[in-house]
N, C-alpha and C. Protein backbone atom coordinates (compact mmCIF):
# COMPACT_ATOMS: atom_id res chain seq x y z
N MET A 1 -169.16 -120.33 208.77
CA MET A 1 -167.77 -119.54 209.14
C MET A 1 -167.52 -119.42 207.49
N GLU A 2 -167.51 -117.64 207.54
CA GLU A 2 -167.31 -117.61 206.28
C GLU A 2 -165.55 -117.43 206.07
N THR A 3 -165.50 -118.02 204.70
CA THR A 3 -163.91 -118.12 204.09
C THR A 3 -163.38 -116.95 203.79
N ILE A 4 -161.81 -116.99 203.51
CA ILE A 4 -160.89 -115.95 203.17
C ILE A 4 -161.77 -115.36 202.41
N GLU A 5 -161.57 -116.52 201.01
CA GLU A 5 -161.94 -115.99 199.22
C GLU A 5 -162.99 -114.90 199.43
N PRO A 6 -164.13 -115.22 199.94
CA PRO A 6 -165.15 -113.96 199.31
C PRO A 6 -164.69 -112.91 200.03
N ILE A 7 -164.10 -112.28 201.07
CA ILE A 7 -163.78 -111.50 201.24
C ILE A 7 -162.62 -110.78 201.05
N LEU A 8 -162.19 -111.48 200.71
CA LEU A 8 -160.77 -110.90 199.50
C LEU A 8 -161.88 -110.39 198.15
N THR A 9 -162.33 -111.42 197.41
CA THR A 9 -163.06 -111.04 196.16
C THR A 9 -163.74 -109.66 196.40
N ALA A 10 -164.37 -109.40 197.20
CA ALA A 10 -165.19 -108.67 197.70
C ALA A 10 -164.24 -107.12 197.81
N HIS A 11 -163.53 -106.47 198.74
CA HIS A 11 -162.33 -106.06 198.43
C HIS A 11 -161.79 -104.91 197.26
N PRO A 12 -162.40 -103.85 197.82
CA PRO A 12 -162.02 -103.24 195.75
C PRO A 12 -160.16 -103.41 195.86
N PHE A 13 -159.42 -103.65 196.44
CA PHE A 13 -158.50 -103.74 195.92
C PHE A 13 -157.70 -104.80 195.53
N PHE A 14 -158.77 -106.22 196.05
CA PHE A 14 -158.74 -107.55 194.72
C PHE A 14 -159.68 -107.57 193.86
N ARG A 15 -160.80 -106.55 193.60
CA ARG A 15 -161.95 -106.80 192.44
C ARG A 15 -161.15 -107.54 191.18
N GLY A 16 -162.17 -107.92 190.71
CA GLY A 16 -161.75 -108.26 189.35
C GLY A 16 -160.56 -109.32 189.24
N LEU A 17 -159.86 -109.92 190.58
CA LEU A 17 -158.53 -110.83 190.31
C LEU A 17 -159.06 -112.13 190.03
N ASP A 18 -158.48 -113.19 189.41
CA ASP A 18 -158.64 -114.51 189.02
C ASP A 18 -158.70 -114.93 190.08
N PRO A 19 -159.52 -116.12 189.99
CA PRO A 19 -160.37 -116.75 190.82
C PRO A 19 -159.31 -117.48 191.69
N ILE A 20 -158.22 -117.94 190.27
CA ILE A 20 -157.17 -119.32 191.00
C ILE A 20 -155.44 -117.93 191.75
N HIS A 21 -156.01 -116.82 191.53
CA HIS A 21 -155.05 -116.06 191.87
C HIS A 21 -155.45 -115.53 193.63
N LEU A 22 -156.96 -115.55 193.55
CA LEU A 22 -157.74 -115.01 194.64
C LEU A 22 -157.10 -116.30 196.18
N LYS A 23 -157.73 -117.89 195.14
CA LYS A 23 -157.77 -118.97 196.34
C LYS A 23 -155.99 -119.05 196.77
N ASP A 24 -154.88 -118.25 196.33
CA ASP A 24 -153.46 -118.46 196.44
C ASP A 24 -153.14 -117.55 197.29
N LEU A 25 -153.90 -116.57 197.31
CA LEU A 25 -153.97 -115.41 197.92
C LEU A 25 -154.62 -115.61 199.77
N ALA A 26 -155.69 -116.36 199.37
CA ALA A 26 -156.33 -116.38 200.89
C ALA A 26 -155.75 -117.56 201.30
N ALA A 27 -154.37 -118.04 200.89
CA ALA A 27 -153.74 -118.98 201.81
C ALA A 27 -152.72 -118.13 203.07
N CYS A 28 -152.60 -117.11 202.63
CA CYS A 28 -151.34 -115.90 203.19
C CYS A 28 -152.42 -115.16 204.04
N ALA A 29 -153.52 -114.51 204.35
CA ALA A 29 -154.59 -114.19 204.40
C ALA A 29 -155.08 -114.59 206.03
N SER A 30 -155.20 -113.73 206.79
CA SER A 30 -156.28 -114.48 208.17
C SER A 30 -156.71 -112.54 208.79
N LYS A 31 -157.96 -113.40 209.50
CA LYS A 31 -158.77 -112.50 209.64
C LYS A 31 -158.48 -111.64 211.37
N VAL A 32 -158.34 -110.62 211.27
CA VAL A 32 -157.41 -110.16 213.00
C VAL A 32 -158.70 -108.48 212.93
N ASN A 33 -159.37 -108.87 214.01
CA ASN A 33 -159.52 -107.40 215.00
C ASN A 33 -158.62 -106.16 215.86
N TYR A 34 -159.45 -105.70 215.47
CA TYR A 34 -158.72 -104.11 216.67
C TYR A 34 -159.72 -103.44 217.68
N ALA A 35 -159.21 -103.66 218.47
CA ALA A 35 -160.30 -102.16 219.33
C ALA A 35 -159.69 -100.66 219.23
N ALA A 36 -160.45 -100.09 219.31
CA ALA A 36 -160.27 -98.57 219.16
C ALA A 36 -159.26 -98.10 220.10
N GLY A 37 -158.14 -96.91 219.90
CA GLY A 37 -157.08 -97.27 220.71
C GLY A 37 -155.65 -98.14 220.61
N GLU A 38 -156.05 -99.34 220.00
CA GLU A 38 -155.17 -100.44 220.02
C GLU A 38 -154.25 -99.92 218.68
N PHE A 39 -152.94 -100.22 218.52
CA PHE A 39 -152.49 -100.23 217.18
C PHE A 39 -151.63 -101.34 216.77
N LEU A 40 -152.29 -101.39 215.11
CA LEU A 40 -152.29 -102.40 214.39
C LEU A 40 -150.84 -102.36 214.04
N TYR A 41 -149.52 -101.73 214.33
CA TYR A 41 -148.59 -101.69 214.36
C TYR A 41 -147.62 -100.38 214.71
N ARG A 42 -146.50 -100.22 215.08
CA ARG A 42 -145.75 -98.76 215.43
C ARG A 42 -144.69 -98.54 214.73
N ALA A 43 -144.42 -97.57 215.01
CA ALA A 43 -142.71 -96.97 213.85
C ALA A 43 -141.54 -97.94 214.23
N GLU A 44 -141.30 -98.59 213.48
CA GLU A 44 -139.42 -99.19 213.63
C GLU A 44 -139.91 -100.34 214.20
N GLN A 45 -141.57 -101.12 214.45
CA GLN A 45 -141.31 -102.80 214.48
C GLN A 45 -140.88 -102.76 212.85
N GLU A 46 -140.88 -104.19 212.87
CA GLU A 46 -140.73 -105.01 211.54
C GLU A 46 -142.32 -105.03 210.98
N ALA A 47 -142.24 -104.98 209.42
CA ALA A 47 -143.48 -104.97 208.61
C ALA A 47 -143.60 -106.81 208.48
N THR A 48 -144.43 -107.75 208.88
CA THR A 48 -144.17 -108.89 208.61
C THR A 48 -145.82 -108.83 207.80
N SER A 49 -146.59 -107.54 207.94
CA SER A 49 -147.75 -108.28 207.51
C SER A 49 -148.54 -106.98 206.74
N PHE A 50 -149.14 -106.88 205.58
CA PHE A 50 -149.91 -105.90 205.39
C PHE A 50 -151.30 -106.08 205.39
N PHE A 51 -152.14 -105.23 205.76
CA PHE A 51 -153.46 -105.67 205.71
C PHE A 51 -154.72 -104.29 205.15
N LEU A 52 -155.38 -105.43 204.37
CA LEU A 52 -157.23 -105.04 203.92
C LEU A 52 -158.29 -104.46 205.16
N ILE A 53 -157.94 -103.45 205.15
CA ILE A 53 -159.36 -102.63 206.11
C ILE A 53 -160.67 -103.39 205.77
N LEU A 54 -161.57 -104.29 206.54
CA LEU A 54 -162.72 -104.56 206.25
C LEU A 54 -164.10 -103.06 206.82
N GLN A 55 -163.56 -102.68 207.72
CA GLN A 55 -164.76 -102.25 208.42
C GLN A 55 -163.85 -101.17 209.84
N GLY A 56 -164.21 -100.43 209.91
CA GLY A 56 -163.28 -99.21 211.54
C GLY A 56 -162.69 -98.22 210.51
N ARG A 57 -161.62 -97.31 211.30
CA ARG A 57 -160.68 -96.57 210.73
C ARG A 57 -159.71 -96.17 211.52
N VAL A 58 -158.74 -96.14 210.20
CA VAL A 58 -157.23 -96.47 211.57
C VAL A 58 -156.42 -94.96 210.42
N SER A 59 -155.82 -94.39 212.01
CA SER A 59 -155.05 -93.49 211.76
C SER A 59 -153.81 -93.22 211.49
N LEU A 60 -153.20 -93.41 210.59
CA LEU A 60 -151.67 -93.06 210.45
C LEU A 60 -151.47 -92.32 211.14
N GLU A 61 -150.84 -92.29 211.56
CA GLU A 61 -149.80 -91.06 212.77
C GLU A 61 -147.95 -91.64 212.70
N ILE A 62 -147.46 -89.84 212.66
CA ILE A 62 -146.30 -89.88 212.80
C ILE A 62 -145.74 -89.02 214.57
N PHE A 63 -145.09 -89.60 215.42
CA PHE A 63 -144.78 -88.78 216.72
C PHE A 63 -144.17 -87.14 216.34
N SER A 64 -144.43 -86.11 217.19
CA SER A 64 -143.16 -85.18 217.03
C SER A 64 -143.21 -85.35 218.76
N ALA A 65 -142.17 -84.75 218.87
CA ALA A 65 -141.80 -84.43 220.86
C ALA A 65 -142.37 -83.38 221.42
N ARG A 66 -142.13 -82.68 220.38
CA ARG A 66 -143.24 -81.05 220.73
C ARG A 66 -145.04 -81.33 220.46
N ARG A 67 -145.37 -82.01 219.40
CA ARG A 67 -146.62 -81.75 219.50
C ARG A 67 -147.90 -83.37 220.01
N GLY A 68 -146.58 -84.83 220.41
CA GLY A 68 -147.24 -85.75 219.99
C GLY A 68 -147.23 -86.40 219.30
N PRO A 69 -148.31 -87.09 218.84
CA PRO A 69 -148.59 -88.06 217.52
C PRO A 69 -149.55 -87.18 216.45
N LEU A 70 -149.06 -86.71 215.29
CA LEU A 70 -149.67 -86.32 214.39
C LEU A 70 -150.59 -87.37 213.24
N THR A 71 -151.65 -86.76 213.29
CA THR A 71 -152.20 -88.09 212.38
C THR A 71 -152.02 -87.83 210.89
N LEU A 72 -151.32 -88.32 210.07
CA LEU A 72 -150.88 -87.83 208.55
C LEU A 72 -152.27 -87.91 208.13
N ASN A 73 -153.25 -89.45 207.97
CA ASN A 73 -154.64 -90.13 207.02
C ASN A 73 -155.22 -90.70 208.09
N THR A 74 -155.97 -91.06 207.61
CA THR A 74 -156.94 -91.20 207.88
C THR A 74 -157.60 -92.73 206.78
N LEU A 75 -157.24 -94.03 207.01
CA LEU A 75 -157.63 -95.03 206.64
C LEU A 75 -159.45 -95.80 206.75
N GLU A 76 -159.74 -96.31 205.88
CA GLU A 76 -161.34 -96.64 206.05
C GLU A 76 -161.16 -97.88 205.41
N GLY A 77 -162.90 -99.14 205.90
CA GLY A 77 -163.05 -100.08 204.90
C GLY A 77 -163.16 -99.18 203.87
N GLY A 78 -162.81 -100.87 202.35
CA GLY A 78 -162.57 -100.55 201.60
C GLY A 78 -160.65 -100.37 201.45
N ASP A 79 -159.82 -100.08 202.05
CA ASP A 79 -158.55 -99.58 202.07
C ASP A 79 -157.74 -100.59 202.19
N VAL A 80 -156.62 -100.68 201.39
CA VAL A 80 -154.72 -101.17 201.76
C VAL A 80 -153.92 -100.27 202.91
N LEU A 81 -153.30 -101.37 203.44
CA LEU A 81 -152.41 -100.72 204.68
C LEU A 81 -151.20 -101.48 204.68
N GLY A 82 -150.02 -100.44 204.58
CA GLY A 82 -148.68 -101.49 204.61
C GLY A 82 -148.27 -102.21 203.28
N TRP A 83 -147.25 -101.17 202.86
CA TRP A 83 -146.68 -101.35 201.67
C TRP A 83 -145.38 -101.71 201.61
N LEU A 84 -144.51 -101.64 202.43
CA LEU A 84 -143.09 -101.47 202.50
C LEU A 84 -142.62 -102.73 202.37
N TRP A 85 -143.12 -103.86 202.46
CA TRP A 85 -142.94 -105.13 201.76
C TRP A 85 -142.00 -105.79 200.45
N PHE A 86 -142.07 -104.17 199.60
CA PHE A 86 -141.83 -104.44 197.97
C PHE A 86 -139.91 -104.08 198.62
N GLU A 87 -139.55 -103.61 199.70
CA GLU A 87 -137.85 -103.30 199.75
C GLU A 87 -137.85 -104.72 199.60
N GLU A 88 -136.81 -104.41 200.38
CA GLU A 88 -135.30 -105.67 200.38
C GLU A 88 -135.45 -105.99 202.08
N LYS A 89 -135.76 -106.82 202.25
CA LYS A 89 -135.88 -107.21 204.22
C LYS A 89 -134.78 -107.15 204.74
N PRO A 90 -134.84 -106.69 206.04
CA PRO A 90 -136.34 -106.79 206.80
C PRO A 90 -137.11 -105.46 206.72
N TYR A 91 -137.87 -105.35 206.71
CA TYR A 91 -139.47 -104.33 206.81
C TYR A 91 -139.31 -103.72 207.87
N TYR A 92 -139.30 -102.66 207.72
CA TYR A 92 -139.78 -101.21 209.42
C TYR A 92 -140.76 -100.67 208.57
N TRP A 93 -141.80 -100.65 209.79
CA TRP A 93 -142.47 -99.50 209.76
C TRP A 93 -142.41 -97.82 209.47
N PHE A 94 -142.89 -97.21 209.05
CA PHE A 94 -142.10 -95.75 209.87
C PHE A 94 -142.96 -94.79 209.83
N LEU A 95 -144.43 -95.35 209.99
CA LEU A 95 -145.43 -94.93 210.76
C LEU A 95 -146.31 -95.52 212.34
N ASP A 96 -146.80 -94.84 212.68
CA ASP A 96 -147.43 -96.04 214.10
C ASP A 96 -149.30 -96.05 213.19
N ALA A 97 -149.54 -97.53 213.19
CA ALA A 97 -151.52 -97.23 212.58
C ALA A 97 -152.28 -97.19 213.80
N ARG A 98 -153.29 -96.23 214.11
CA ARG A 98 -153.73 -96.87 215.06
C ARG A 98 -155.32 -97.26 214.82
N ALA A 99 -156.43 -98.06 215.30
CA ALA A 99 -157.41 -98.08 215.24
C ALA A 99 -157.87 -97.10 215.84
N MET A 100 -159.08 -96.43 215.40
CA MET A 100 -159.78 -94.83 215.55
C MET A 100 -161.18 -95.48 216.70
N ASP A 101 -161.60 -96.62 216.26
CA ASP A 101 -162.56 -97.50 216.43
C ASP A 101 -162.63 -99.09 215.90
N LEU A 102 -163.66 -99.69 216.07
CA LEU A 102 -163.48 -101.25 216.25
C LEU A 102 -163.39 -101.24 214.51
N THR A 103 -162.20 -101.90 214.61
CA THR A 103 -161.20 -102.14 213.23
C THR A 103 -161.31 -103.76 212.68
N ARG A 104 -161.74 -104.19 211.81
CA ARG A 104 -161.69 -105.23 211.36
C ARG A 104 -161.16 -105.51 210.11
N ALA A 105 -159.90 -106.12 209.98
CA ALA A 105 -159.16 -106.20 208.93
C ALA A 105 -158.61 -106.91 208.24
N LEU A 106 -158.21 -108.17 207.53
CA LEU A 106 -157.26 -108.71 207.03
C LEU A 106 -155.65 -109.11 206.70
N SER A 107 -155.65 -109.65 207.47
CA SER A 107 -153.90 -109.54 207.75
C SER A 107 -153.26 -110.57 206.80
N LEU A 108 -152.62 -109.99 205.60
CA LEU A 108 -151.63 -110.63 204.71
C LEU A 108 -150.44 -111.26 204.93
N LYS A 109 -149.62 -111.97 204.80
CA LYS A 109 -148.26 -112.44 205.39
C LYS A 109 -147.19 -111.78 203.92
N VAL A 110 -146.40 -110.71 204.59
CA VAL A 110 -145.80 -110.67 203.58
C VAL A 110 -144.51 -111.70 202.27
N ASP A 111 -143.95 -112.09 203.47
CA ASP A 111 -143.30 -113.26 203.22
C ASP A 111 -144.27 -114.34 202.18
N CYS A 112 -145.23 -114.83 202.27
CA CYS A 112 -146.34 -115.34 201.75
C CYS A 112 -146.66 -115.12 200.28
N ILE A 113 -147.33 -113.21 200.30
CA ILE A 113 -147.78 -112.51 199.52
C ILE A 113 -146.38 -112.54 198.41
N ARG A 114 -145.01 -112.04 198.70
CA ARG A 114 -143.78 -112.10 198.10
C ARG A 114 -143.60 -113.55 197.26
N ASN A 115 -143.61 -114.49 197.77
CA ASN A 115 -143.31 -115.78 197.47
C ASN A 115 -144.19 -116.38 196.08
N LYS A 116 -145.53 -116.18 196.30
CA LYS A 116 -146.88 -116.42 195.38
C LYS A 116 -146.23 -115.38 194.55
N CYS A 117 -145.86 -114.10 194.03
CA CYS A 117 -146.01 -112.84 193.46
C CYS A 117 -144.90 -113.87 192.68
N GLU A 118 -143.33 -114.27 193.37
CA GLU A 118 -141.83 -114.20 192.33
C GLU A 118 -142.34 -115.99 191.79
N SER A 119 -143.36 -116.48 192.07
CA SER A 119 -143.44 -117.95 191.62
C SER A 119 -144.11 -117.91 190.44
N ASN A 120 -145.17 -117.00 190.62
CA ASN A 120 -146.07 -116.61 189.84
C ASN A 120 -146.28 -115.17 188.94
N HIS A 121 -146.01 -114.59 188.04
CA HIS A 121 -145.46 -113.52 188.03
C HIS A 121 -146.62 -113.11 187.55
N ASP A 122 -147.24 -113.44 186.59
CA ASP A 122 -148.71 -112.61 186.33
C ASP A 122 -149.69 -112.53 187.77
N LEU A 123 -149.90 -113.15 188.85
CA LEU A 123 -150.19 -112.71 189.71
C LEU A 123 -149.56 -111.58 190.25
N GLY A 124 -147.99 -111.39 190.40
CA GLY A 124 -146.96 -110.38 190.59
C GLY A 124 -147.47 -108.88 189.75
N PHE A 125 -147.66 -109.27 188.39
CA PHE A 125 -148.33 -108.22 187.47
C PHE A 125 -149.61 -107.25 188.37
N GLU A 126 -150.36 -108.29 188.40
CA GLU A 126 -151.62 -107.83 188.90
C GLU A 126 -151.52 -107.14 190.62
N ILE A 127 -150.69 -107.50 191.31
CA ILE A 127 -150.35 -107.08 192.22
C ILE A 127 -149.99 -105.88 192.40
N MET A 128 -148.65 -105.81 191.70
CA MET A 128 -147.85 -104.95 191.21
C MET A 128 -149.22 -103.04 190.69
N LYS A 129 -149.88 -103.44 190.08
CA LYS A 129 -150.78 -102.77 188.98
C LYS A 129 -151.38 -101.71 190.47
N ARG A 130 -152.29 -102.97 191.63
CA ARG A 130 -153.09 -102.41 192.22
C ARG A 130 -152.27 -101.44 193.14
N TYR A 131 -151.08 -101.99 193.49
CA TYR A 131 -150.30 -101.47 195.05
C TYR A 131 -150.18 -100.09 194.14
N ALA A 132 -149.49 -100.00 192.85
CA ALA A 132 -149.43 -98.32 192.39
C ALA A 132 -150.37 -97.90 192.44
N HIS A 133 -151.47 -98.04 191.55
CA HIS A 133 -153.36 -97.31 192.01
C HIS A 133 -152.99 -97.13 193.59
N SER A 134 -152.63 -97.85 194.46
CA SER A 134 -153.27 -97.41 195.77
C SER A 134 -152.21 -96.52 196.27
N LEU A 135 -151.17 -96.69 195.91
CA LEU A 135 -149.39 -95.78 196.24
C LEU A 135 -150.48 -94.67 196.25
N ALA A 136 -150.42 -94.63 194.94
CA ALA A 136 -150.56 -93.30 194.12
C ALA A 136 -151.70 -92.24 194.93
N ILE A 137 -152.87 -92.91 195.55
CA ILE A 137 -153.56 -92.48 196.00
C ILE A 137 -153.55 -92.46 197.31
N GLY A 138 -152.75 -92.90 198.25
CA GLY A 138 -152.75 -92.54 199.27
C GLY A 138 -150.95 -91.35 199.42
N PHE A 139 -150.33 -90.90 198.55
CA PHE A 139 -149.73 -89.63 198.52
C PHE A 139 -150.35 -88.64 198.52
N ARG A 140 -151.15 -89.03 197.50
CA ARG A 140 -151.93 -87.69 197.46
C ARG A 140 -152.80 -87.77 199.04
N ALA A 141 -153.71 -88.00 199.40
CA ALA A 141 -153.88 -88.22 200.56
C ALA A 141 -152.85 -87.76 201.76
N ILE A 142 -151.89 -87.63 202.28
CA ILE A 142 -150.83 -87.55 203.12
C ILE A 142 -150.56 -86.03 202.10
N SER A 143 -150.60 -86.02 201.13
CA SER A 143 -150.39 -84.62 200.45
C SER A 143 -150.97 -83.22 201.10
N LEU A 144 -152.19 -83.69 200.99
CA LEU A 144 -153.53 -82.63 201.49
C LEU A 144 -153.84 -82.93 202.28
N GLN A 145 -153.39 -83.34 203.23
CA GLN A 145 -153.09 -83.77 204.97
C GLN A 145 -151.96 -82.58 205.48
N LEU A 146 -150.98 -82.98 204.88
CA LEU A 146 -149.40 -82.23 205.26
C LEU A 146 -150.18 -81.27 204.65
N ALA A 147 -150.62 -80.11 203.74
CA ALA A 147 -150.74 -78.92 203.38
C ALA A 147 -152.06 -78.45 204.54
N ASP A 148 -152.85 -78.98 204.79
CA ASP A 148 -154.01 -78.39 205.47
C ASP A 148 -153.54 -78.36 207.31
N MET A 149 -152.31 -79.57 207.45
CA MET A 149 -151.80 -79.19 208.91
C MET A 149 -150.39 -77.89 208.85
N PHE A 150 -150.11 -78.22 208.22
CA PHE A 150 -149.22 -76.55 208.11
C PHE A 150 -149.56 -75.45 207.83
N GLN A 151 -150.60 -75.33 207.36
CA GLN A 151 -151.28 -73.68 207.37
C GLN A 151 -151.99 -72.85 208.57
N ALA A 152 -151.90 -73.73 209.49
CA ALA A 152 -152.27 -73.59 210.70
C ALA A 152 -151.18 -72.35 211.14
């Protein structure tokens, strides 16, 4: 059975991170699977985890009373999902995340990660650098999707 550390090491988000940091983070992670159509989370639910997508595709959706669920972005293996945990508690999702096909991921507990970042500022800085990069890419992808959606 494969342990969590090699999976973290291989994921693009944590690639190049010090092995000591990876060992600390592995204590916060667990493997999860979602069937096609299953929600990883729903808008307004408390956000207690964030996800490293290993395989599959996840649709980020917002619900419109007139049009039903609208896909804002699609994430796949190698992507990171769920960054609300940098805000003050409690953290709540503002979008739905739905598996489009069988999705395998690592779920990382927010409180555990925050505590590790607070107690080890070098780790916290590494996480923040990766977070900022991931967030910038996500904003760009969502803005392009919204531009497409409203051109029609």
